[in-house]
Amino acid sequence: MNQLLVVGFYLINAGYTALALKTSDPLRDLRQVIELVSSKIGVVLLILRAMHFFDMFVLARMRRRSAQQLVA
């Protein structure tokens, strides 16, 4: 189960990153390119952090439920 979650996590991250870095804005100089890429990567990192927190929450809940079933 853990390996499936990891693979799914990476596939979603790679897909979202590819979509999030796409832009149609005209970029005039290197400074605009760096600012655009850094802001988009920052958003991607925040979303990855939220997804990681959610995954850890789900895994902890599954582990707790499993431990309760073993005790009962």
N, C-alpha and C. Protein backbone atom coordinates (compact mmCIF):
# COMPACT_ATOMS: atom_id res chain seq x y z
N MET A 1 0.83 -1.19 0.00
CA MET A 1 0.00 0.00 0.00
C MET A 1 0.87 1.26 0.00
N ASN A 2 1.94 1.23 0.77
CA ASN A 2 2.82 2.39 0.86
C ASN A 2 3.46 2.70 -0.50
N GLN A 3 3.89 1.67 -1.21
CA GLN A 3 4.52 1.88 -2.52
C GLN A 3 3.52 2.48 -3.51
N LEU A 4 2.25 2.05 -3.45
CA LEU A 4 1.23 2.63 -4.32
C LEU A 4 1.01 4.10 -4.03
N LEU A 5 1.01 4.46 -2.76
CA LEU A 5 0.86 5.87 -2.40
C LEU A 5 2.04 6.70 -2.89
N VAL A 6 3.23 6.15 -2.77
CA VAL A 6 4.43 6.87 -3.22
C VAL A 6 4.39 7.08 -4.73
N VAL A 7 4.06 6.04 -5.47
CA VAL A 7 4.00 6.15 -6.94
C VAL A 7 2.93 7.15 -7.34
N GLY A 8 1.76 7.07 -6.72
CA GLY A 8 0.69 8.02 -7.03
C GLY A 8 1.09 9.44 -6.69
N PHE A 9 1.76 9.62 -5.57
CA PHE A 9 2.23 10.94 -5.15
C PHE A 9 3.18 11.53 -6.20
N TYR A 10 4.14 10.73 -6.67
CA TYR A 10 5.09 11.21 -7.67
C TYR A 10 4.42 11.51 -9.01
N LEU A 11 3.49 10.68 -9.42
CA LEU A 11 2.81 10.92 -10.70
C LEU A 11 1.98 12.20 -10.65
N ILE A 12 1.27 12.40 -9.57
CA ILE A 12 0.47 13.63 -9.45
C ILE A 12 1.39 14.85 -9.40
N ASN A 13 2.49 14.75 -8.66
CA ASN A 13 3.43 15.87 -8.56
C ASN A 13 4.04 16.20 -9.91
N ALA A 14 4.47 15.20 -10.64
CA ALA A 14 5.10 15.44 -11.94
C ALA A 14 4.09 16.06 -12.91
N GLY A 15 2.88 15.56 -12.91
CA GLY A 15 1.85 16.11 -13.80
C GLY A 15 1.49 17.54 -13.46
N TYR A 16 1.31 17.81 -12.17
CA TYR A 16 0.95 19.16 -11.76
C TYR A 16 2.10 20.13 -12.05
N THR A 17 3.31 19.71 -11.78
CA THR A 17 4.47 20.57 -12.04
C THR A 17 4.56 20.92 -13.51
N ALA A 18 4.36 19.93 -14.38
CA ALA A 18 4.41 20.19 -15.82
C ALA A 18 3.33 21.19 -16.24
N LEU A 19 2.14 21.07 -15.67
CA LEU A 19 1.08 22.02 -16.01
C LEU A 19 1.30 23.39 -15.39
N ALA A 20 1.81 23.44 -14.18
CA ALA A 20 1.97 24.71 -13.48
C ALA A 20 3.08 25.56 -14.07
N LEU A 21 4.09 24.95 -14.65
CA LEU A 21 5.20 25.73 -15.20
C LEU A 21 4.92 26.27 -16.60
N LYS A 22 3.80 25.88 -17.19
CA LYS A 22 3.43 26.37 -18.51
C LYS A 22 2.96 27.83 -18.40
N THR A 23 3.35 28.65 -19.34
CA THR A 23 2.94 30.05 -19.32
C THR A 23 2.76 30.56 -20.75
N SER A 24 1.91 31.56 -20.87
CA SER A 24 1.73 32.21 -22.17
C SER A 24 2.11 33.69 -22.09
N ASP A 25 2.61 34.10 -20.92
CA ASP A 25 3.01 35.50 -20.75
C ASP A 25 4.27 35.80 -21.56
N PRO A 26 4.30 36.96 -22.23
CA PRO A 26 5.54 37.33 -22.92
C PRO A 26 6.61 37.76 -21.91
N LEU A 27 7.77 37.19 -22.03
CA LEU A 27 8.87 37.51 -21.10
C LEU A 27 9.93 38.30 -21.86
N ARG A 28 10.25 39.48 -21.34
CA ARG A 28 11.16 40.37 -22.06
C ARG A 28 12.63 40.19 -21.69
N ASP A 29 12.90 39.83 -20.45
CA ASP A 29 14.31 39.72 -20.05
C ASP A 29 14.49 38.59 -19.05
N LEU A 30 15.74 38.35 -18.70
CA LEU A 30 16.09 37.25 -17.82
C LEU A 30 15.47 37.41 -16.43
N ARG A 31 15.37 38.63 -15.97
CA ARG A 31 14.79 38.88 -14.64
C ARG A 31 13.35 38.41 -14.58
N GLN A 32 12.55 38.68 -15.60
CA GLN A 32 11.16 38.23 -15.63
C GLN A 32 11.08 36.71 -15.67
N VAL A 33 11.98 36.09 -16.40
CA VAL A 33 12.01 34.63 -16.47
C VAL A 33 12.28 34.04 -15.09
N ILE A 34 13.28 34.58 -14.40
CA ILE A 34 13.64 34.07 -13.08
C ILE A 34 12.51 34.30 -12.09
N GLU A 35 11.88 35.47 -12.13
CA GLU A 35 10.77 35.76 -11.22
C GLU A 35 9.59 34.83 -11.48
N LEU A 36 9.27 34.60 -12.74
CA LEU A 36 8.15 33.73 -13.08
C LEU A 36 8.42 32.29 -12.64
N VAL A 37 9.59 31.79 -12.96
CA VAL A 37 9.92 30.41 -12.59
C VAL A 37 9.97 30.25 -11.08
N SER A 38 10.55 31.20 -10.37
CA SER A 38 10.64 31.07 -8.91
C SER A 38 9.25 31.13 -8.27
N SER A 39 8.38 31.98 -8.75
CA SER A 39 7.03 32.05 -8.16
C SER A 39 6.24 30.78 -8.47
N LYS A 40 6.38 30.25 -9.67
CA LYS A 40 5.67 29.02 -10.01
C LYS A 40 6.22 27.82 -9.23
N ILE A 41 7.52 27.76 -9.06
CA ILE A 41 8.10 26.66 -8.28
C ILE A 41 7.70 26.81 -6.81
N GLY A 42 7.60 28.03 -6.31
CA GLY A 42 7.14 28.24 -4.94
C GLY A 42 5.73 27.72 -4.72
N VAL A 43 4.85 27.98 -5.67
CA VAL A 43 3.48 27.48 -5.57
C VAL A 43 3.48 25.96 -5.62
N VAL A 44 4.27 25.38 -6.52
CA VAL A 44 4.35 23.92 -6.61
C VAL A 44 4.84 23.34 -5.30
N LEU A 45 5.85 23.94 -4.68
CA LEU A 45 6.37 23.43 -3.41
C LEU A 45 5.35 23.52 -2.29
N LEU A 46 4.55 24.59 -2.26
CA LEU A 46 3.51 24.69 -1.25
C LEU A 46 2.45 23.61 -1.44
N ILE A 47 2.09 23.34 -2.67
CA ILE A 47 1.11 22.29 -2.94
C ILE A 47 1.68 20.92 -2.61
N LEU A 48 2.95 20.70 -2.91
CA LEU A 48 3.59 19.43 -2.56
C LEU A 48 3.61 19.24 -1.05
N ARG A 49 3.86 20.32 -0.31
CA ARG A 49 3.86 20.24 1.15
C ARG A 49 2.48 19.85 1.65
N ALA A 50 1.44 20.46 1.10
CA ALA A 50 0.08 20.12 1.51
C ALA A 50 -0.26 18.67 1.17
N MET A 51 0.16 18.21 -0.01
CA MET A 51 -0.10 16.82 -0.39
C MET A 51 0.65 15.85 0.52
N HIS A 52 1.87 16.20 0.87
CA HIS A 52 2.66 15.33 1.76
C HIS A 52 2.00 15.25 3.14
N PHE A 53 1.54 16.39 3.65
CA PHE A 53 0.85 16.40 4.93
C PHE A 53 -0.40 15.53 4.87
N PHE A 54 -1.17 15.64 3.80
CA PHE A 54 -2.37 14.83 3.65
C PHE A 54 -2.03 13.35 3.60
N ASP A 55 -0.98 12.98 2.85
CA ASP A 55 -0.55 11.57 2.79
C ASP A 55 -0.15 11.05 4.16
N MET A 56 0.60 11.85 4.92
CA MET A 56 1.02 11.42 6.25
C MET A 56 -0.19 11.27 7.18
N PHE A 57 -1.16 12.16 7.03
CA PHE A 57 -2.38 12.08 7.81
C PHE A 57 -3.14 10.79 7.50
N VAL A 58 -3.27 10.47 6.22
CA VAL A 58 -3.97 9.24 5.82
C VAL A 58 -3.23 8.01 6.32
N LEU A 59 -1.91 7.98 6.17
CA LEU A 59 -1.15 6.83 6.64
C LEU A 59 -1.25 6.66 8.16
N ALA A 60 -1.20 7.74 8.91
CA ALA A 60 -1.32 7.66 10.37
C ALA A 60 -2.71 7.15 10.75
N ARG A 61 -3.70 7.61 10.06
CA ARG A 61 -5.07 7.16 10.35
C ARG A 61 -5.23 5.67 10.03
N MET A 62 -4.65 5.23 8.91
CA MET A 62 -4.72 3.82 8.55
C MET A 62 -3.98 2.98 9.58
N ARG A 63 -2.83 3.45 10.03
CA ARG A 63 -2.04 2.73 11.02
C ARG A 63 -2.80 2.63 12.35
N ARG A 64 -3.43 3.72 12.76
CA ARG A 64 -4.19 3.73 14.00
C ARG A 64 -5.38 2.77 13.92
N ARG A 65 -6.06 2.78 12.79
CA ARG A 65 -7.20 1.88 12.61
C ARG A 65 -6.74 0.42 12.62
N SER A 66 -5.61 0.16 12.00
CA SER A 66 -5.06 -1.20 11.98
C SER A 66 -4.69 -1.65 13.38
N ALA A 67 -4.08 -0.77 14.16
CA ALA A 67 -3.68 -1.11 15.53
C ALA A 67 -4.91 -1.35 16.40
N GLN A 68 -5.97 -0.60 16.21
CA GLN A 68 -7.19 -0.79 16.98
C GLN A 68 -7.85 -2.13 16.65
N GLN A 69 -7.78 -2.54 15.39
CA GLN A 69 -8.36 -3.82 15.00
C GLN A 69 -7.57 -4.99 15.58
N LEU A 70 -6.25 -4.83 15.72
CA LEU A 70 -5.44 -5.88 16.30
C LEU A 70 -5.72 -6.06 17.80
N VAL A 71 -5.99 -4.94 18.49
CA VAL A 71 -6.25 -4.98 19.92
C VAL A 71 -7.63 -5.59 20.19
N ALA A 72 -8.59 -5.23 19.34
CA ALA A 72 -9.99 -5.68 19.55
C ALA A 72 -10.21 -7.12 19.22
